Protein backbone atom coordinates (compact mmCIF):
# COMPACT_ATOMS: atom_id res chain seq x y z
CA MET A 1 76.89 -138.69 182.46
CA THR A 2 75.01 -139.22 179.36
CA GLU A 3 76.74 -139.25 176.09
CA VAL A 4 75.44 -137.44 173.20
CA SER A 5 75.67 -139.44 170.08
CA GLN A 6 77.07 -137.70 167.07
CA PRO A 7 75.45 -138.18 163.78
CA SER A 8 77.34 -140.25 161.39
CA SER A 9 79.19 -138.49 158.72
CA ASP A 10 77.56 -140.50 155.95
CA GLN A 11 74.04 -139.15 156.58
CA THR A 12 72.76 -136.50 154.18
CA PRO A 13 72.05 -133.29 155.90
CA THR A 14 68.38 -132.27 155.94
CA GLU A 15 67.52 -129.32 153.55
CA PRO A 16 65.41 -126.54 154.94
CA PHE A 17 61.62 -126.71 153.92
CA PRO A 18 60.76 -123.90 151.49
CA GLU A 19 58.32 -121.28 152.72
CA PRO A 20 54.95 -121.11 150.86
CA PRO A 21 54.38 -118.04 148.66
CA PRO A 22 52.28 -115.33 150.21
CA ALA A 23 48.53 -115.43 149.39
CA PRO A 24 47.53 -112.92 146.69
CA THR A 25 45.91 -109.82 148.02
CA PRO A 26 42.38 -109.41 146.49
CA SER A 27 42.11 -106.29 144.33
CA PRO A 28 39.54 -103.77 145.56
CA THR A 29 36.22 -103.43 143.58
CA LYS A 30 36.36 -100.46 141.23
CA PRO A 31 33.73 -97.73 141.88
CA TRP A 32 32.69 -97.29 138.19
CA PHE A 33 31.68 -100.92 137.93
CA ILE A 34 29.32 -100.59 140.86
CA LEU A 35 27.81 -97.39 139.40
CA SER A 36 27.25 -99.04 136.01
CA ALA A 37 25.52 -101.97 137.61
CA VAL A 38 23.22 -99.67 139.54
CA LEU A 39 22.39 -97.63 136.43
CA MET A 40 21.68 -100.72 134.31
CA THR A 41 19.41 -102.11 136.98
CA SER A 42 17.55 -98.79 137.29
CA LEU A 43 17.18 -98.51 133.52
CA PHE A 44 15.78 -102.02 133.29
CA ILE A 45 13.26 -101.28 136.03
CA PHE A 46 12.25 -98.00 134.34
CA VAL A 47 11.77 -99.61 130.91
CA ALA A 48 9.76 -102.43 132.39
CA PHE A 49 7.58 -99.96 134.28
CA ALA A 50 7.07 -97.84 131.15
CA LEU A 51 6.03 -100.85 129.07
CA VAL A 52 3.56 -102.00 131.68
CA SER A 53 2.11 -98.46 132.00
CA ALA A 54 1.79 -98.11 128.22
CA LEU A 55 -0.04 -101.41 127.92
CA LEU A 56 -2.42 -100.47 130.71
CA SER A 57 -3.03 -96.99 129.23
CA LYS A 58 -3.72 -98.40 125.76
CA SER A 59 -6.18 -100.84 127.22
CA GLN A 60 -7.99 -98.06 129.08
CA VAL A 61 -8.11 -95.79 125.99
CA GLN A 62 -9.51 -98.57 123.86
CA ASN A 63 -12.19 -99.14 126.44
CA GLN A 64 -13.04 -95.40 126.48
CA ILE A 65 -13.20 -94.80 122.69
CA PRO A 66 -16.86 -94.52 121.68
CA PRO A 67 -18.07 -96.52 118.72
CA PRO A 68 -17.81 -94.66 115.38
CA LYS A 69 -20.83 -92.53 114.50
CA PRO A 70 -22.70 -93.34 111.32
CA THR A 71 -21.85 -91.07 108.38
CA LEU A 72 -24.64 -88.62 107.61
CA THR A 73 -25.36 -87.78 103.99
CA VAL A 74 -26.13 -84.07 103.65
CA SER A 75 -28.49 -83.27 100.81
CA PRO A 76 -27.82 -80.04 98.89
CA THR A 77 -30.04 -77.12 99.82
CA PRO A 78 -32.71 -76.76 97.14
CA ASN A 79 -32.76 -73.53 95.16
CA PRO A 80 -36.04 -71.77 96.06
CA THR A 81 -36.09 -69.91 92.71
CA GLU A 82 -35.49 -72.98 90.55
CA ASN A 83 -39.11 -73.41 89.45
CA TRP A 84 -40.03 -69.73 89.31
CA LYS A 85 -41.15 -67.89 86.20
CA THR A 86 -38.48 -65.94 84.34
CA TYR A 87 -39.40 -62.50 83.07
CA THR A 88 -37.42 -60.60 80.43
CA ASN A 89 -37.98 -57.04 79.27
CA GLU A 90 -36.18 -56.31 76.02
CA ILE A 91 -36.69 -52.56 76.25
CA LEU A 92 -35.03 -52.29 79.65
CA ASN A 93 -32.77 -55.25 78.85
CA ILE A 94 -33.44 -56.84 82.23
CA SER A 95 -34.30 -60.33 83.41
CA LEU A 96 -35.54 -61.69 86.74
CA SER A 97 -37.52 -64.58 88.20
CA HIS A 98 -40.57 -64.47 90.46
CA PRO A 99 -42.86 -67.00 92.20
CA THR A 100 -45.33 -68.58 89.82
CA GLU A 101 -48.30 -67.54 91.95
CA TRP A 102 -47.27 -63.86 91.91
CA LYS A 103 -48.97 -61.91 89.10
CA LEU A 104 -46.91 -59.70 86.77
CA SER A 105 -48.37 -56.73 84.91
CA GLU A 106 -46.78 -54.28 82.46
CA SER A 107 -47.57 -50.71 81.50
CA ILE A 108 -45.72 -47.54 80.45
CA SER A 109 -44.69 -44.75 82.82
CA MET A 110 -42.45 -41.76 82.06
CA GLY A 111 -41.64 -43.24 78.66
CA TYR A 112 -40.33 -46.54 80.03
CA PRO A 113 -41.88 -49.88 80.98
CA TYR A 114 -43.45 -50.00 84.42
CA ILE A 115 -43.73 -53.52 85.89
CA THR A 116 -45.66 -54.63 88.96
CA ILE A 117 -45.63 -58.09 90.57
CA SER A 118 -48.31 -58.72 93.21
CA ASP A 119 -48.61 -61.59 95.64
CA PRO A 120 -51.74 -63.83 95.82
CA VAL A 121 -53.14 -62.01 98.88
CA LEU A 122 -53.04 -58.66 97.11
CA GLN A 123 -54.59 -60.17 93.99
CA GLN A 124 -57.76 -60.90 95.96
CA GLN A 125 -58.23 -57.23 96.86
CA PRO A 126 -59.94 -55.05 94.29
CA ILE A 127 -58.34 -51.61 94.34
CA GLU A 128 -61.02 -49.06 93.59
CA ASN A 129 -61.17 -45.28 93.63
CA GLY A 130 -57.41 -45.05 94.02
CA LEU A 131 -57.45 -46.58 97.50
CA GLU A 132 -54.25 -48.23 98.62
CA PRO A 133 -54.30 -52.00 99.28
CA MET A 134 -54.30 -52.98 102.93
CA GLN A 135 -52.98 -56.55 102.72
CA GLY A 136 -50.40 -58.51 100.76
CA ALA A 137 -47.35 -57.06 99.02
CA PHE A 138 -46.31 -55.91 95.57
CA LEU A 139 -43.13 -55.13 93.67
CA GLU A 140 -42.52 -52.24 91.30
CA ILE A 141 -39.82 -52.00 88.64
CA MET A 142 -39.50 -48.61 87.00
CA ALA A 143 -37.09 -46.56 84.92
CA GLU A 144 -36.91 -42.96 83.80
CA GLU A 145 -34.47 -40.63 82.15
CA PHE A 146 -32.97 -38.70 85.03
CA LYS A 147 -33.33 -34.95 84.52
CA ALA A 148 -33.68 -33.79 88.11
CA VAL A 149 -31.35 -31.12 89.46
CA VAL A 150 -31.42 -32.53 93.00
CA PRO A 151 -29.17 -35.41 94.13
CA VAL A 152 -30.35 -38.90 93.30
CA ASP A 153 -30.92 -40.01 96.89
CA ARG A 154 -33.03 -36.98 97.66
CA TYR A 155 -35.04 -37.48 94.49
CA VAL A 156 -35.70 -41.16 95.22
CA LYS A 157 -36.87 -40.43 98.75
CA GLY A 158 -39.73 -38.49 97.20
CA PHE A 159 -41.15 -41.80 95.94
CA ALA A 160 -41.66 -43.16 99.47
CA ARG A 161 -45.28 -43.93 100.31
CA ALA A 162 -46.73 -42.21 103.34
CA ASP A 163 -49.45 -43.77 105.47
CA ARG A 164 -52.49 -41.89 106.72
CA ALA A 165 -53.48 -41.29 110.31
CA GLU A 166 -57.01 -41.96 111.54
CA ASP A 167 -57.93 -38.33 110.92
CA GLY A 168 -56.78 -38.60 107.30
CA SER A 169 -53.57 -36.62 107.68
CA TRP A 170 -50.33 -37.90 106.20
CA LEU A 171 -47.86 -39.54 108.55
CA GLU A 172 -44.14 -38.88 108.51
CA VAL A 173 -41.87 -41.18 106.49
CA ASN A 174 -38.75 -42.40 108.28
CA THR A 175 -35.96 -43.42 105.91
CA GLU A 176 -32.73 -45.36 106.39
CA GLU A 177 -30.17 -45.27 103.58
CA SER A 178 -27.27 -47.59 102.71
CA ASN A 179 -25.53 -49.00 99.63
CA SER A 180 -26.97 -51.53 97.19
CA ASP A 181 -25.07 -53.88 94.86
CA VAL A 182 -28.14 -55.37 93.18
CA TRP A 183 -27.39 -53.60 89.91
CA GLY A 184 -23.83 -54.83 89.46
CA THR A 185 -22.58 -51.38 90.42
CA GLU A 186 -22.91 -49.23 93.52
CA GLY A 187 -26.45 -48.01 94.06
CA TYR A 188 -28.77 -46.94 96.87
CA PHE A 189 -30.84 -48.99 99.28
CA PHE A 190 -33.66 -47.26 101.16
CA THR A 191 -35.89 -48.56 103.93
CA HIS A 192 -39.00 -46.41 104.31
CA ARG A 193 -41.45 -46.68 107.22
CA SER A 194 -44.63 -44.71 107.62
CA GLY A 195 -47.33 -45.94 109.96
CA ASN A 196 -48.07 -49.50 108.87
CA ILE A 197 -46.39 -49.18 105.46
CA LEU A 198 -42.93 -50.65 104.90
CA GLN A 199 -40.92 -50.22 101.69
CA HIS A 200 -37.54 -51.58 100.59
CA ASN A 201 -36.21 -49.74 97.54
CA HIS A 202 -33.06 -50.41 95.49
CA ALA A 203 -32.16 -47.58 93.10
CA VAL A 204 -29.28 -46.79 90.77
CA LEU A 205 -28.39 -44.09 88.25
CA ILE A 206 -26.42 -45.41 85.29
CA ASN A 207 -25.55 -44.32 81.78
CA TYR A 208 -27.91 -46.66 80.01
CA LYS A 209 -28.26 -46.71 76.24
CA THR A 210 -26.50 -43.35 75.92
CA LYS A 211 -28.73 -41.65 78.53
CA PRO A 212 -28.65 -41.24 82.31
CA VAL A 213 -31.44 -43.52 83.50
CA LEU A 214 -32.69 -44.00 87.05
CA PHE A 215 -33.76 -47.57 87.81
CA GLN A 216 -35.79 -48.55 90.86
CA ILE A 217 -37.01 -51.90 92.11
CA LYS A 218 -38.93 -51.94 95.37
CA ILE A 219 -41.41 -53.87 97.46
CA THR A 220 -44.30 -52.31 99.36
CA ILE A 221 -45.92 -54.06 102.32
CA PRO A 222 -49.11 -52.13 103.15
CA GLN A 223 -49.58 -53.78 106.55
CA VAL A 224 -46.18 -54.48 108.05
CA ASN A 225 -47.72 -56.19 111.08
CA GLN A 226 -49.26 -58.97 109.02
CA PRO A 227 -47.80 -62.40 109.93
CA GLN A 228 -46.17 -63.00 106.53
CA SER A 229 -44.26 -59.69 106.41
CA ASN A 230 -40.90 -61.37 107.02
CA SER A 231 -41.72 -63.90 104.33
CA TYR A 232 -42.37 -61.05 101.87
CA ILE A 233 -38.95 -59.54 102.57
CA LEU A 234 -37.31 -62.94 102.08
CA THR A 235 -39.11 -63.44 98.76
CA PHE A 236 -38.12 -59.94 97.64
CA ASN A 237 -34.45 -60.64 98.34
CA GLN A 238 -34.69 -63.95 96.46
CA ILE A 239 -36.18 -62.13 93.46
CA LEU A 240 -33.32 -59.63 93.62
CA SER A 241 -30.81 -62.49 93.55
CA THR A 242 -32.13 -63.45 90.08
CA PHE A 243 -32.06 -59.92 88.65
CA ARG A 244 -29.57 -59.14 85.90
CA PHE A 245 -29.04 -56.80 82.99
CA LEU A 246 -28.88 -58.30 79.54
CA ASP A 247 -26.71 -56.96 76.72
CA ASP A 248 -26.77 -53.28 77.67
CA ASN A 249 -25.26 -52.04 74.40
CA GLN A 250 -28.41 -52.91 72.44
CA ILE A 251 -30.57 -49.86 71.68
CA SER A 252 -33.77 -49.28 69.76
CA TRP A 253 -33.75 -48.11 66.15
CA GLY A 254 -35.23 -44.78 67.21
CA GLU A 255 -32.34 -44.22 69.62
CA ALA A 256 -29.88 -45.13 66.85
CA GLU A 257 -31.44 -42.51 64.57
CA GLU A 258 -31.10 -39.88 67.31
CA LEU A 259 -27.39 -40.65 67.67
CA ILE A 260 -26.84 -40.29 63.93
CA GLN A 261 -28.77 -37.02 63.85
CA SER A 262 -26.75 -35.63 66.78
CA CYS A 263 -23.44 -36.28 64.96
CA GLU A 264 -22.22 -38.64 67.70
CA VAL A 265 -21.39 -41.46 65.25
CA THR A 266 -18.03 -42.12 63.55
CA PHE A 267 -18.59 -45.59 62.05
CA VAL A 268 -21.55 -47.77 61.05
CA GLY A 269 -21.56 -51.42 60.01
CA GLN A 270 -24.55 -53.27 58.54
CA THR A 271 -25.35 -56.96 58.01
CA HIS A 272 -27.90 -58.65 55.75
CA ASN A 273 -29.99 -59.69 58.76
CA LEU A 274 -30.56 -55.98 59.62
CA ASP A 275 -28.09 -55.86 62.53
CA VAL A 276 -26.38 -52.47 62.81
CA GLU A 277 -23.20 -51.77 64.79
CA ILE A 278 -22.49 -48.14 65.64
CA THR A 279 -19.23 -46.69 66.96
CA LEU A 280 -19.59 -43.44 68.88
CA LYS A 281 -17.08 -40.61 69.21
CA ASP A 282 -16.39 -41.59 72.83
CA GLY A 283 -15.33 -45.07 71.69
CA ARG A 284 -18.41 -46.98 72.78
CA ILE A 285 -19.87 -49.58 70.42
CA ILE A 286 -23.62 -50.11 70.46
CA LYS A 287 -26.00 -52.24 68.43
CA ALA A 288 -29.44 -51.78 66.92
CA LYS A 289 -31.82 -53.51 64.52
CA GLU A 290 -32.86 -51.46 61.48
CA PRO A 291 -36.43 -51.92 60.18
CA ARG A 292 -35.26 -52.60 56.60
CA ILE A 293 -31.99 -53.04 54.77
CA ASP A 294 -29.93 -49.91 53.92
CA ILE A 295 -32.09 -47.48 55.89
CA VAL A 296 -29.07 -46.73 58.07
CA TRP A 297 -27.13 -45.76 54.93
CA GLU A 298 -29.91 -43.34 54.01
CA LYS A 299 -29.77 -41.74 57.46
CA ILE A 300 -26.00 -41.30 57.16
CA GLN A 301 -26.42 -39.56 53.80
CA GLU A 302 -29.00 -37.18 55.27
CA VAL A 303 -26.57 -35.85 57.91
CA GLU A 304 -23.35 -35.85 55.86
CA GLU A 305 -23.46 -32.12 55.22
CA LYS A 306 -24.05 -31.39 58.92
CA CYS A 307 -21.91 -34.08 60.55
CA GLY A 308 -19.31 -34.83 57.92
CA LYS A 309 -18.51 -38.19 56.37
CA ILE A 310 -19.35 -41.24 58.51
CA GLN A 311 -17.56 -44.45 57.60
CA PHE A 312 -19.95 -47.16 56.46
CA VAL A 313 -19.43 -50.88 55.82
CA THR A 314 -22.01 -53.41 54.67
CA GLU A 315 -21.93 -57.14 54.03
């Protein structure tokens, strides 16, 4: 029988071996961190793509831009009336310009100046036995004291020229009417057609130098089918663009005497250079030139008994 030896009492008892600590459990990845990483990556890719696209687009645009066009210098349109002749009529107190090659003539009709301006073609045609010209064109400027009892437009239409038929009978005149602003106030514009004759007429009735005066300025083209007809109308309109009234309160000495005699004057002033300023009862102030010094004072004295005292001042 085998003996089991007993350990000696002086041996140190063996201590139990400590158990190792448990391994740490890894913490799970948080979902927001993953989402942020994905978003940052996507944003980086988007920005990179946008930069590349912008660079490519800029390069393409630069290649497509055409070279700059040279700057064109535009010269001002020349004034066709700049070198024309200027005509002034002191009786009518009007001014206008006309082509130098057009001929101007003056006469008297119905107590007022009557002016005609004919083009070079018309100038070559002798007008005999009252026959109307058949080529070219001519302007007429006329004025008259208006005493008619019919309306102005109806009266003016009576001035339209009628053409003749082959049998010698007068042809009908067709008229179109509209407004005209040539005169600085509202007037009438008439277009008359009769056979081959064309007329453009601007008319106005104004209180001119204390009287109602009818003014007319018109062009007559005897043969409207001639090649230069449109050119005549253009020239006529250019002449009209230069038309203007001068100082419309200047009257003749004869007209001033009539006003004094009719007791329409309340005040008269006189200067040493024969200028006379007249104030009318309606408040208008007009001017005249007396033929000699103090004659206006004599005229005032002549009508004092009839018209009463008129104030008078002299330099």
